[in-house]
Structures are given as C-alpha cells and as structure tokens.
C-alpha atoms as a PDB file:
ATOM      1  CA  MET A   1     134.560  78.043  55.597  1.00  0.00           C
ATOM      2  CA  GLN A   2     134.572  80.820  57.787  1.00  0.00           C
ATOM      3  CA  GLU A   3     136.934  83.141  58.280  1.00  0.00           C
ATOM      4  CA  ILE A   4     138.500  85.487  60.676  1.00  0.00           C
ATOM      5  CA  ILE A   5     139.639  88.963  60.135  1.00  0.00           C
ATOM      6  CA  LEU A   6     143.158  89.877  61.370  1.00  0.00           C
ATOM      7  CA  ASN A   7     144.133  92.888  62.900  1.00  0.00           C
ATOM      8  CA  ASP A   8     145.845  93.670  59.916  1.00  0.00           C
ATOM      9  CA  ASN A   9     142.637  92.488  57.569  1.00  0.00           C
ATOM     10  CA  GLN A  10     144.633  89.628  56.360  1.00  0.00           C
ATOM     11  CA  LYS A  11     142.004  86.434  56.380  1.00  0.00           C
ATOM     12  CA  ILE A  12     142.356  83.661  58.190  1.00  0.00           C
ATOM     13  CA  PRO A  13     140.187  80.095  58.394  1.00  0.00           C
ATOM     14  CA  VAL A  14     138.822  79.373  61.552  1.00  0.00           C
ATOM     15  CA  ILE A  15     140.282  75.816  61.380  1.00  0.00           C
ATOM     16  CA  GLY A  16     143.379  75.228  59.905  1.00  0.00           C
ATOM     17  CA  PHE A  17     145.496  71.539  59.722  1.00  0.00           C
ATOM     18  CA  GLY A  18     148.202  70.754  62.309  1.00  0.00           C
ATOM     19  CA  THR A  19     151.161  68.791  61.095  1.00  0.00           C
ATOM     20  CA  TYR A  20     153.235  67.918  63.966  1.00  0.00           C
ATOM     21  CA  LYS A  21     154.924  64.435  64.229  1.00  0.00           C
ATOM     22  CA  ALA A  22     154.000  64.188  60.392  1.00  0.00           C
ATOM     23  CA  LYS A  23     157.364  64.092  58.614  1.00  0.00           C
ATOM     24  CA  ALA A  24     158.405  62.779  54.990  1.00  0.00           C
ATOM     25  CA  GLN A  25     155.377  61.060  52.563  1.00  0.00           C
ATOM     26  CA  VAL A  26     152.978  60.778  55.342  1.00  0.00           C
ATOM     27  CA  GLY A  27     153.457  64.569  55.727  1.00  0.00           C
ATOM     28  CA  VAL A  28     153.374  64.724  52.299  1.00  0.00           C
ATOM     29  CA  GLN A  29     150.244  63.224  51.683  1.00  0.00           C
ATOM     30  CA  SER A  30     148.159  64.511  54.941  1.00  0.00           C
ATOM     31  CA  VAL A  31     148.684  67.905  53.460  1.00  0.00           C
ATOM     32  CA  ILE A  32     147.336  66.827  50.341  1.00  0.00           C
ATOM     33  CA  ASP A  33     144.483  65.205  52.173  1.00  0.00           C
ATOM     34  CA  ALA A  34     143.788  67.668  54.358  1.00  0.00           C
ATOM     35  CA  LEU A  35     143.978  70.496  50.993  1.00  0.00           C
ATOM     36  CA  SER A  36     141.141  68.091  49.039  1.00  0.00           C
ATOM     37  CA  ASN A  37     138.934  67.729  52.086  1.00  0.00           C
ATOM     38  CA  GLY A  38     139.288  71.983  52.437  1.00  0.00           C
ATOM     39  CA  TYR A  39     141.597  72.743  54.801  1.00  0.00           C
ATOM     40  CA  ARG A  40     142.964  76.041  53.416  1.00  0.00           C
ATOM     41  CA  LEU A  41     144.943  77.156  56.701  1.00  0.00           C
ATOM     42  CA  ILE A  42     148.448  74.758  57.066  1.00  0.00           C
ATOM     43  CA  ASP A  43     150.481  74.758  60.183  1.00  0.00           C
ATOM     44  CA  THR A  44     153.862  73.945  60.260  1.00  0.00           C
ATOM     45  CA  ALA A  45     157.228  75.088  62.510  1.00  0.00           C
ATOM     46  CA  ALA A  46     161.043  74.800  61.717  1.00  0.00           C
ATOM     47  CA  ILE A  47     160.944  72.549  64.851  1.00  0.00           C
ATOM     48  CA  TYR A  48     158.883  69.968  62.746  1.00  0.00           C
ATOM     49  CA  GLU A  49     161.324  69.158  60.580  1.00  0.00           C
ATOM     50  CA  ASN A  50     158.669  68.833  57.871  1.00  0.00           C
ATOM     51  CA  GLU A  51     158.445  72.145  55.839  1.00  0.00           C
ATOM     52  CA  GLU A  52     159.563  70.402  53.022  1.00  0.00           C
ATOM     53  CA  ALA A  53     157.087  67.705  53.424  1.00  0.00           C
ATOM     54  CA  VAL A  54     154.312  70.519  53.800  1.00  0.00           C
ATOM     55  CA  GLY A  55     155.691  72.583  50.900  1.00  0.00           C
ATOM     56  CA  LYS A  56     155.562  69.123  48.212  1.00  0.00           C
ATOM     57  CA  GLY A  57     152.158  68.507  49.575  1.00  0.00           C
ATOM     58  CA  ILE A  58     151.027  72.155  48.694  1.00  0.00           C
ATOM     59  CA  ARG A  59     152.675  71.982  45.601  1.00  0.00           C
ATOM     60  CA  ALA A  60     150.706  68.498  44.531  1.00  0.00           C
ATOM     61  CA  SER A  61     147.967  69.472  46.005  1.00  0.00           C
ATOM     62  CA  GLY A  62     146.731  71.361  42.648  1.00  0.00           C
ATOM     63  CA  ILE A  63     145.015  74.101  45.080  1.00  0.00           C
ATOM     64  CA  PRO A  64     146.275  77.770  43.936  1.00  0.00           C
ATOM     65  CA  ARG A  65     148.343  78.783  46.565  1.00  0.00           C
ATOM     66  CA  ASP A  66     146.856  82.077  47.052  1.00  0.00           C
ATOM     67  CA  GLN A  67     144.056  80.362  48.775  1.00  0.00           C
ATOM     68  CA  ILE A  68     146.704  78.251  51.397  1.00  0.00           C
ATOM     69  CA  VAL A  69     147.142  80.018  54.233  1.00  0.00           C
ATOM     70  CA  VAL A  70     150.561  78.677  54.886  1.00  0.00           C
ATOM     71  CA  THR A  71     152.187  79.138  59.211  1.00  0.00           C
ATOM     72  CA  THR A  72     155.417  78.500  60.296  1.00  0.00           C
ATOM     73  CA  LYS A  73     157.693  79.368  63.199  1.00  0.00           C
ATOM     74  CA  VAL A  74     160.803  80.412  64.418  1.00  0.00           C
ATOM     75  CA  TRP A  75     162.095  78.063  66.887  1.00  0.00           C
ATOM     76  CA  ARG A  76     163.000  79.441  70.827  1.00  0.00           C
ATOM     77  CA  GLU A  77     166.804  78.694  70.566  1.00  0.00           C
ATOM     78  CA  VAL A  78     167.249  81.231  67.320  1.00  0.00           C
ATOM     79  CA  LEU A  79     165.851  84.014  68.571  1.00  0.00           C
ATOM     80  CA  GLY A  80     167.273  87.532  67.733  1.00  0.00           C
ATOM     81  CA  PHE A  81     167.359  90.017  64.747  1.00  0.00           C
ATOM     82  CA  LYS A  82     170.211  88.452  62.331  1.00  0.00           C
ATOM     83  CA  GLN A  83     169.207  84.468  63.649  1.00  0.00           C
ATOM     84  CA  THR A  84     165.653  85.300  63.324  1.00  0.00           C
ATOM     85  CA  LYS A  85     166.213  86.303  59.811  1.00  0.00           C
ATOM     86  CA  ALA A  86     168.120  83.080  58.556  1.00  0.00           C
ATOM     87  CA  ALA A  87     165.798  81.181  60.243  1.00  0.00           C
ATOM     88  CA  PHE A  88     163.203  82.769  58.204  1.00  0.00           C
ATOM     89  CA  ASN A  89     165.229  82.469  54.584  1.00  0.00           C
ATOM     90  CA  LYS A  90     165.774  78.615  55.496  1.00  0.00           C
ATOM     91  CA  SER A  91     162.086  77.775  56.012  1.00  0.00           C
ATOM     92  CA  LEU A  92     161.165  79.701  53.112  1.00  0.00           C
ATOM     93  CA  GLY A  93     163.698  77.654  51.322  1.00  0.00           C
ATOM     94  CA  ARG A  94     162.506  74.530  52.666  1.00  0.00           C
ATOM     95  CA  LEU A  95     158.878  75.116  51.850  1.00  0.00           C
ATOM     96  CA  LYS A  96     159.732  76.357  48.154  1.00  0.00           C
ATOM     97  CA  LEU A  97     157.236  79.117  48.491  1.00  0.00           C
ATOM     98  CA  ASP A  98     157.854  83.176  47.926  1.00  0.00           C
ATOM     99  CA  TYR A  99     156.323  84.143  50.699  1.00  0.00           C
ATOM    100  CA  ILE A 100     154.882  83.186  54.624  1.00  0.00           C
ATOM    101  CA  ASP A 101     151.308  84.029  55.355  1.00  0.00           C
ATOM    102  CA  LEU A 102     152.311  83.789  58.885  1.00  0.00           C
ATOM    103  CA  TYR A 103     155.122  83.693  60.635  1.00  0.00           C
ATOM    104  CA  LEU A 104     154.910  83.340  64.513  1.00  0.00           C
ATOM    105  CA  ILE A 105     157.644  83.008  67.652  1.00  0.00           C
ATOM    106  CA  HIS A 106     157.162  79.614  68.719  1.00  0.00           C
ATOM    107  CA  TRP A 107     158.338  80.342  72.203  1.00  0.00           C
ATOM    108  CA  PRO A 108     159.352  83.531  73.709  1.00  0.00           C
ATOM    109  CA  ALA A 109     162.413  84.605  75.085  1.00  0.00           C
ATOM    110  CA  ASN A 110     162.354  83.714  78.450  1.00  0.00           C
ATOM    111  CA  ALA A 111     164.777  85.117  81.741  1.00  0.00           C
ATOM    112  CA  ARG A 112     166.111  81.199  82.216  1.00  0.00           C
ATOM    113  CA  ASN A 113     167.450  81.011  78.720  1.00  0.00           C
ATOM    114  CA  TYR A 114     168.338  84.450  77.794  1.00  0.00           C
ATOM    115  CA  LYS A 115     169.548  87.628  79.954  1.00  0.00           C
ATOM    116  CA  ASN A 116     168.032  90.343  78.029  1.00  0.00           C
ATOM    117  CA  TRP A 117     165.072  88.373  77.485  1.00  0.00           C
ATOM    118  CA  GLN A 118     162.847  91.468  76.838  1.00  0.00           C
ATOM    119  CA  GLN A 119     165.360  92.893  74.052  1.00  0.00           C
ATOM    120  CA  ILE A 120     165.820  89.179  72.727  1.00  0.00           C
ATOM    121  CA  ASN A 121     161.652  89.054  72.144  1.00  0.00           C
ATOM    122  CA  ALA A 122     162.191  92.962  70.860  1.00  0.00           C
ATOM    123  CA  ASP A 123     164.844  92.122  67.982  1.00  0.00           C
ATOM    124  CA  THR A 124     162.846  89.005  66.845  1.00  0.00           C
ATOM    125  CA  TRP A 125     159.666  90.863  66.614  1.00  0.00           C
ATOM    126  CA  ARG A 126     161.816  93.635  64.786  1.00  0.00           C
ATOM    127  CA  ALA A 127     163.255  91.160  62.363  1.00  0.00           C
ATOM    128  CA  MET A 128     159.834  89.746  61.575  1.00  0.00           C
ATOM    129  CA  GLU A 129     158.351  93.446  61.127  1.00  0.00           C
ATOM    130  CA  GLU A 130     161.321  94.071  58.631  1.00  0.00           C
ATOM    131  CA  LEU A 131     160.284  90.950  56.741  1.00  0.00           C
ATOM    132  CA  GLN A 132     156.564  92.132  56.614  1.00  0.00           C
ATOM    133  CA  ALA A 133     157.357  95.156  55.040  1.00  0.00           C
ATOM    134  CA  GLU A 134     159.726  93.695  52.866  1.00  0.00           C
ATOM    135  CA  GLY A 135     156.292  91.475  51.490  1.00  0.00           C
ATOM    136  CA  LYS A 136     158.015  88.056  52.532  1.00  0.00           C
ATOM    137  CA  ILE A 137     155.555  87.408  55.177  1.00  0.00           C
ATOM    138  CA  ARG A 138     151.381  88.320  55.452  1.00  0.00           C
ATOM    139  CA  SER A 139     150.934  88.786  58.891  1.00  0.00           C
ATOM    140  CA  ILE A 140     153.517  88.139  61.920  1.00  0.00           C
ATOM    141  CA  GLY A 141     152.067  87.056  65.171  1.00  0.00           C
ATOM    142  CA  VAL A 142     153.082  84.627  68.566  1.00  0.00           C
ATOM    143  CA  SER A 143     152.942  81.240  70.306  1.00  0.00           C
ATOM    144  CA  ASN A 144     153.131  80.310  73.838  1.00  0.00           C
ATOM    145  CA  PHE A 145     152.953  84.284  74.851  1.00  0.00           C
ATOM    146  CA  TRP A 146     151.559  85.038  78.090  1.00  0.00           C
ATOM    147  CA  LYS A 147     150.680  88.591  79.185  1.00  0.00           C
ATOM    148  CA  GLU A 148     154.466  89.753  80.383  1.00  0.00           C
ATOM    149  CA  HIS A 149     155.819  88.699  77.604  1.00  0.00           C
ATOM    150  CA  LEU A 150     153.159  90.736  75.396  1.00  0.00           C
ATOM    151  CA  LYS A 151     152.922  93.333  77.401  1.00  0.00           C
ATOM    152  CA  ALA A 152     157.212  93.208  77.574  1.00  0.00           C
ATOM    153  CA  LEU A 153     157.034  93.220  73.529  1.00  0.00           C
ATOM    154  CA  PHE A 154     154.100  95.990  73.155  1.00  0.00           C
ATOM    155  CA  GLN A 155     156.266  98.514  74.554  1.00  0.00           C
ATOM    156  CA  THR A 156     158.815  98.396  71.650  1.00  0.00           C
ATOM    157  CA  ALA A 157     156.767  96.657  68.803  1.00  0.00           C
ATOM    158  CA  GLN A 158     155.532  98.960  65.953  1.00  0.00           C
ATOM    159  CA  VAL A 159     153.396  96.004  64.837  1.00  0.00           C
ATOM    160  CA  ILE A 160     150.440  94.371  67.450  1.00  0.00           C
ATOM    161  CA  PRO A 161     150.964  90.532  67.183  1.00  0.00           C
ATOM    162  CA  ALA A 162     147.461  89.137  64.999  1.00  0.00           C
ATOM    163  CA  VAL A 163     147.706  85.729  66.487  1.00  0.00           C
ATOM    164  CA  ASN A 164     149.030  84.184  69.994  1.00  0.00           C
ATOM    165  CA  GLN A 165     148.746  80.038  69.208  1.00  0.00           C
ATOM    166  CA  ILE A 166     148.710  78.997  72.844  1.00  0.00           C
ATOM    167  CA  GLU A 167     147.571  75.348  74.319  1.00  0.00           C
ATOM    168  CA  PHE A 168     144.087  76.005  74.441  1.00  0.00           C
ATOM    169  CA  HIS A 169     141.433  72.545  75.049  1.00  0.00           C
ATOM    170  CA  PRO A 170     138.823  71.462  77.749  1.00  0.00           C
ATOM    171  CA  GLY A 171     140.617  71.310  80.799  1.00  0.00           C
ATOM    172  CA  TYR A 172     143.526  74.012  80.305  1.00  0.00           C
ATOM    173  CA  TRP A 173     142.412  77.136  78.005  1.00  0.00           C
ATOM    174  CA  GLN A 174     143.682  79.392  79.653  1.00  0.00           C
ATOM    175  CA  PRO A 175     140.679  82.020  79.872  1.00  0.00           C
ATOM    176  CA  GLU A 176     142.173  85.082  81.334  1.00  0.00           C
ATOM    177  CA  LEU A 177     145.506  85.226  78.576  1.00  0.00           C
ATOM    178  CA  THR A 178     142.428  84.458  75.963  1.00  0.00           C
ATOM    179  CA  GLU A 179     140.312  87.702  76.938  1.00  0.00           C
ATOM    180  CA  PHE A 180     143.569  89.680  77.523  1.00  0.00           C
ATOM    181  CA  CYS A 181     144.843  89.163  73.795  1.00  0.00           C
ATOM    182  CA  GLN A 182     140.920  89.255  72.286  1.00  0.00           C
ATOM    183  CA  LEU A 183     140.896  92.966  74.125  1.00  0.00           C
ATOM    184  CA  GLN A 184     144.024  93.759  72.154  1.00  0.00           C
ATOM    185  CA  GLY A 185     142.554  92.441  69.048  1.00  0.00           C
ATOM    186  CA  ILE A 186     145.237  89.814  68.592  1.00  0.00           C
ATOM    187  CA  VAL A 187     143.113  86.684  67.583  1.00  0.00           C
ATOM    188  CA  VAL A 188     143.788  83.114  69.951  1.00  0.00           C
ATOM    189  CA  GLU A 189     144.759  79.817  68.230  1.00  0.00           C
ATOM    190  CA  SER A 190     144.455  76.832  69.885  1.00  0.00           C
ATOM    191  CA  TRP A 191     147.472  74.422  69.824  1.00  0.00           C
ATOM    192  CA  SER A 192     146.693  70.494  71.127  1.00  0.00           C
ATOM    193  CA  PRO A 193     142.968  71.121  71.047  1.00  0.00           C
ATOM    194  CA  LEU A 194     141.744  67.706  71.917  1.00  0.00           C
ATOM    195  CA  ALA A 195     144.725  67.572  74.721  1.00  0.00           C
ATOM    196  CA  ARG A 196     146.416  65.098  72.774  1.00  0.00           C
ATOM    197  CA  GLY A 197     143.531  62.432  73.037  1.00  0.00           C
ATOM    198  CA  GLY A 198     142.637  63.465  76.861  1.00  0.00           C
ATOM    199  CA  VAL A 199     139.263  64.783  75.897  1.00  0.00           C
ATOM    200  CA  PHE A 200     138.701  61.468  75.442  1.00  0.00           C
ATOM    201  CA  GLY A 201     136.302  58.983  78.061  1.00  0.00           C
ATOM    202  CA  ASN A 202     135.459  62.284  79.619  1.00  0.00           C
ATOM    203  CA  GLU A 203     131.878  61.835  81.290  1.00  0.00           C
ATOM    204  CA  VAL A 204     130.742  66.086  80.497  1.00  0.00           C
ATOM    205  CA  LEU A 205     131.724  65.779  76.816  1.00  0.00           C
ATOM    206  CA  GLU A 206     130.871  61.953  76.391  1.00  0.00           C
ATOM    207  CA  SER A 207     127.195  63.066  77.248  1.00  0.00           C
ATOM    208  CA  ILE A 208     127.565  66.640  75.136  1.00  0.00           C
ATOM    209  CA  ALA A 209     128.481  64.830  72.157  1.00  0.00           C
ATOM    210  CA  ASN A 210     125.790  62.144  72.368  1.00  0.00           C
ATOM    211  CA  ARG A 211     122.687  64.884  73.122  1.00  0.00           C
ATOM    212  CA  GLN A 212     124.257  66.451  69.744  1.00  0.00           C
ATOM    213  CA  GLY A 213     124.817  63.694  67.949  1.00  0.00           C
ATOM    214  CA  LYS A 214     128.470  64.124  67.296  1.00  0.00           C
ATOM    215  CA  SER A 215     131.425  62.725  68.284  1.00  0.00           C
ATOM    216  CA  ILE A 216     133.385  64.233  71.413  1.00  0.00           C
ATOM    217  CA  ALA A 217     136.472  65.915  68.782  1.00  0.00           C
ATOM    218  CA  GLN A 218     133.228  67.753  67.267  1.00  0.00           C
ATOM    219  CA  VAL A 219     132.085  68.762  70.400  1.00  0.00           C
ATOM    220  CA  CYS A 220     135.602  69.700  71.518  1.00  0.00           C
ATOM    221  CA  LEU A 221     136.380  71.589  68.442  1.00  0.00           C
ATOM    222  CA  ARG A 222     133.805  72.938  67.974  1.00  0.00           C
ATOM    223  CA  TRP A 223     133.654  74.585  71.778  1.00  0.00           C
ATOM    224  CA  VAL A 224     136.826  76.167  70.237  1.00  0.00           C
ATOM    225  CA  ILE A 225     135.704  78.097  67.815  1.00  0.00           C
ATOM    226  CA  GLN A 226     132.596  79.004  69.360  1.00  0.00           C
ATOM    227  CA  HIS A 227     135.234  81.338  71.736  1.00  0.00           C
ATOM    228  CA  ASP A 228     135.509  83.110  68.235  1.00  0.00           C
ATOM    229  CA  VAL A 229     139.404  80.973  68.737  1.00  0.00           C
ATOM    230  CA  ILE A 230     140.811  78.963  65.463  1.00  0.00           C
ATOM    231  CA  VAL A 231     141.528  75.626  65.872  1.00  0.00           C
ATOM    232  CA  ILE A 232     144.450  73.419  64.252  1.00  0.00           C
ATOM    233  CA  PRO A 233     143.912  69.587  64.688  1.00  0.00           C
ATOM    234  CA  LYS A 234     146.333  67.536  63.304  1.00  0.00           C
ATOM    235  CA  SER A 235     145.640  63.809  62.021  1.00  0.00           C
ATOM    236  CA  THR A 236     146.665  61.453  59.271  1.00  0.00           C
ATOM    237  CA  SER A 237     143.470  59.924  58.374  1.00  0.00           C
ATOM    238  CA  THR A 238     141.291  60.980  55.924  1.00  0.00           C
ATOM    239  CA  LYS A 239     137.717  60.414  57.929  1.00  0.00           C
ATOM    240  CA  ARG A 240     139.413  61.665  60.854  1.00  0.00           C
ATOM    241  CA  MET A 241     140.214  64.813  58.907  1.00  0.00           C
ATOM    242  CA  GLU A 242     136.238  64.987  57.263  1.00  0.00           C
ATOM    243  CA  GLU A 243     134.402  64.756  60.677  1.00  0.00           C
ATOM    244  CA  ASN A 244     137.588  67.602  62.303  1.00  0.00           C
ATOM    245  CA  ILE A 245     136.580  69.796  59.659  1.00  0.00           C
ATOM    246  CA  SER A 246     132.450  69.486  59.753  1.00  0.00           C
ATOM    247  CA  LEU A 247     131.445  71.816  62.096  1.00  0.00           C
ATOM    248  CA  PHE A 248     129.035  73.673  60.832  1.00  0.00           C
ATOM    249  CA  ASP A 249     126.099  72.202  61.159  1.00  0.00           C
ATOM    250  CA  PHE A 250     125.465  72.103  64.676  1.00  0.00           C
ATOM    251  CA  GLU A 251     125.862  74.802  67.866  1.00  0.00           C
ATOM    252  CA  LEU A 252     126.850  74.170  71.313  1.00  0.00           C
ATOM    253  CA  SER A 253     124.551  75.773  73.384  1.00  0.00           C
ATOM    254  CA  ASP A 254     125.210  78.825  76.362  1.00  0.00           C
ATOM    255  CA  GLU A 255     124.620  76.036  79.289  1.00  0.00           C
ATOM    256  CA  GLU A 256     126.859  73.154  76.993  1.00  0.00           C
ATOM    257  CA  MET A 257     129.689  75.672  76.765  1.00  0.00           C
ATOM    258  CA  LYS A 258     130.175  76.459  80.429  1.00  0.00           C
ATOM    259  CA  GLN A 259     130.345  72.919  81.305  1.00  0.00           C
ATOM    260  CA  ILE A 260     132.898  72.459  79.133  1.00  0.00           C
ATOM    261  CA  ASP A 261     134.492  75.689  80.634  1.00  0.00           C
ATOM    262  CA  ASP A 262     134.206  74.708  84.136  1.00  0.00           C
ATOM    263  CA  LEU A 263     135.692  71.518  83.587  1.00  0.00           C
ATOM    264  CA  PRO A 264     138.646  70.346  85.990  1.00  0.00           C
ATOM    265  CA  GLU A 265     142.096  70.549  85.024  1.00  0.00           C
ATOM    266  CA  PHE A 266     143.135  67.849  82.411  1.00  0.00           C
ATOM    267  CA  GLY A 267     145.668  67.260  79.901  1.00  0.00           C
ATOM    268  CA  PHE A 268     147.720  70.244  79.973  1.00  0.00           C
ATOM    269  CA  SER A 269     150.925  69.603  78.304  1.00  0.00           C
ATOM    270  CA  GLY A 270     153.410  71.195  81.589  1.00  0.00           C
ATOM    271  CA  GLU A 271     155.205  73.390  78.604  1.00  0.00           C
ATOM    272  CA  LEU A 272     155.677  76.914  80.276  1.00  0.00           C
ATOM    273  CA  PRO A 273     156.552  80.045  78.876  1.00  0.00           C
ATOM    274  CA  ASN A 274     158.626  81.141  81.441  1.00  0.00           C
ATOM    275  CA  ILE A 275     160.198  77.905  82.351  1.00  0.00           C
ATOM    276  CA  TRP A 276     161.070  76.130  79.045  1.00  0.00           C
ATOM    277  CA  PRO A 277     162.393  73.245  78.833  1.00  0.00           C
ATOM    278  CA  ASP A 278     161.373  72.321  81.367  1.00  0.00           C
ATOM    279  CA  ARG A 279     158.164  70.254  82.402  1.00  0.00           C
ATOM    280  CA  ILE A 280     156.321  70.337  85.511  1.00  0.00           C
END
C-alpha cells in the first residue's frame, strides 16, 4: 500500500476505509473484512455512532494495532477546549484504544452557530494540541475547513493541521482549497469520492473506464490519488472493497485527468462549512 508522509512525519495510507452508516454488527464485520483485504486506514467519527463497532472490528481482525491508522472526529456541536477533551475521551473509550492516530475537527465553528467562531476553533485546536503532546493522538487535523477557517486557525495554532478532509469527487473537488492546503503542507483527504453514487452513468467517466478496462469507481478513486489526495471509499461488500483498493496497476493520462477535472458540477452534497447545518 502506498503511503503519504504527513507534515508531522507520521505515515498514512493513500487509501482508507470509510465506515459512515456502518453500525452494530455490520460495522464490526465491515472493518474485519476491510482489514483482511489490505486496508490499514480506518475512518470513523463520533457522530457516526459506530466507534464501538469499529473498535471491536479492529480487535477481532488479528491485525496488530500499530499497523492500523485509526481516524475519528469531534462533532461540531461540542467544540471548545473542555468539550473537545471530554469528547475525545468518550471516543477513546468507545473504541477501547490507547491512542488515536488521527483526530479531526469534523466541521469548523462558524458565525451562524458560535458568537466567536474563531476563538471556538482555536480553543478546540488547543485541546487537540495538548492531547497530541500527551501522546494520546499521533496526528491532528481538520475536516471541511475552508481557507477562511484555516487562516483564522493559523493565528493561534502551534501545530499546523496534518490533514483536511473535504468533499472531493468528480463534479466537485474544490481545486483552490486543495491547492491552498497542499501549499501549506496540509494533506487533503477525500470524503464522498464517488459523489454518493452520482458518478455512475456519467458518459465521460464511462468512456475512460472502458478505455482503461476498469470500473467507474476505480477510475474515480485513481483520479483522487493522482491529485495526491487520500481517499476513503466505503462499502460493506467485500467485492467492492477489493475493487476499491486495486488502484495501482493502472494510471490515468494527463488528458484523462483533465477530462475529469473539467466535468461540470454534479453530486455536491450541499453541505457548506460557513452555514451548517443548512443545506442549499
């Protein structure tokens, strides 16, 4: 598995396994299956309500803990210094782990929900910096942060975020934000890489997939990692898990990359960091 070295020198696989909506025994089994198929990055979050299942799957897999990169996230409604520390300890307890490899602020505080959103994000980040210094977190990062949120965070941060996990897929890939993050040494990670199924049936993607002898999903995931972006597809099907991780025996040409880059907007979730929780 190819890896990316983060700005804190921690290594992270370029392909991970997303667990959104995989709860209870389905969640346990999906993590076991993902790890048995070679995944070593597992992504969960407090709001997914499956951290306990993810932890059980990790322990049942037989894969040594130090070979697995575990990501979880603090939810946007419990931001702040004390709240973040409490939320982290609850996540750690549900996962039954000694440490978290990557802890993210799931969504930034914004003006709609917090009187002083800059301070709330700064306090949340300070809590995460302390937890990292204590050895409870290996890497700290953010999710769904736009440039305005990152620039504000930089004013007080002692540690630059290692990762920014954002919506990134054909039809909506936020190139300006991606470039900004990469110039700052922040690795971008893609959520919803298949646009919740919106990529299927697209004629451009079908044409490239046929030419490559690959599935549309593989083409989309390959396109993500060729942008030097981590991708975390989710599936409870072992066949799809195998397909989604098999991305290293082909390469998209510059022309094919540009064709996908230039697709008109589609598949956008409607989730906006500056006005959550409303969708547009």
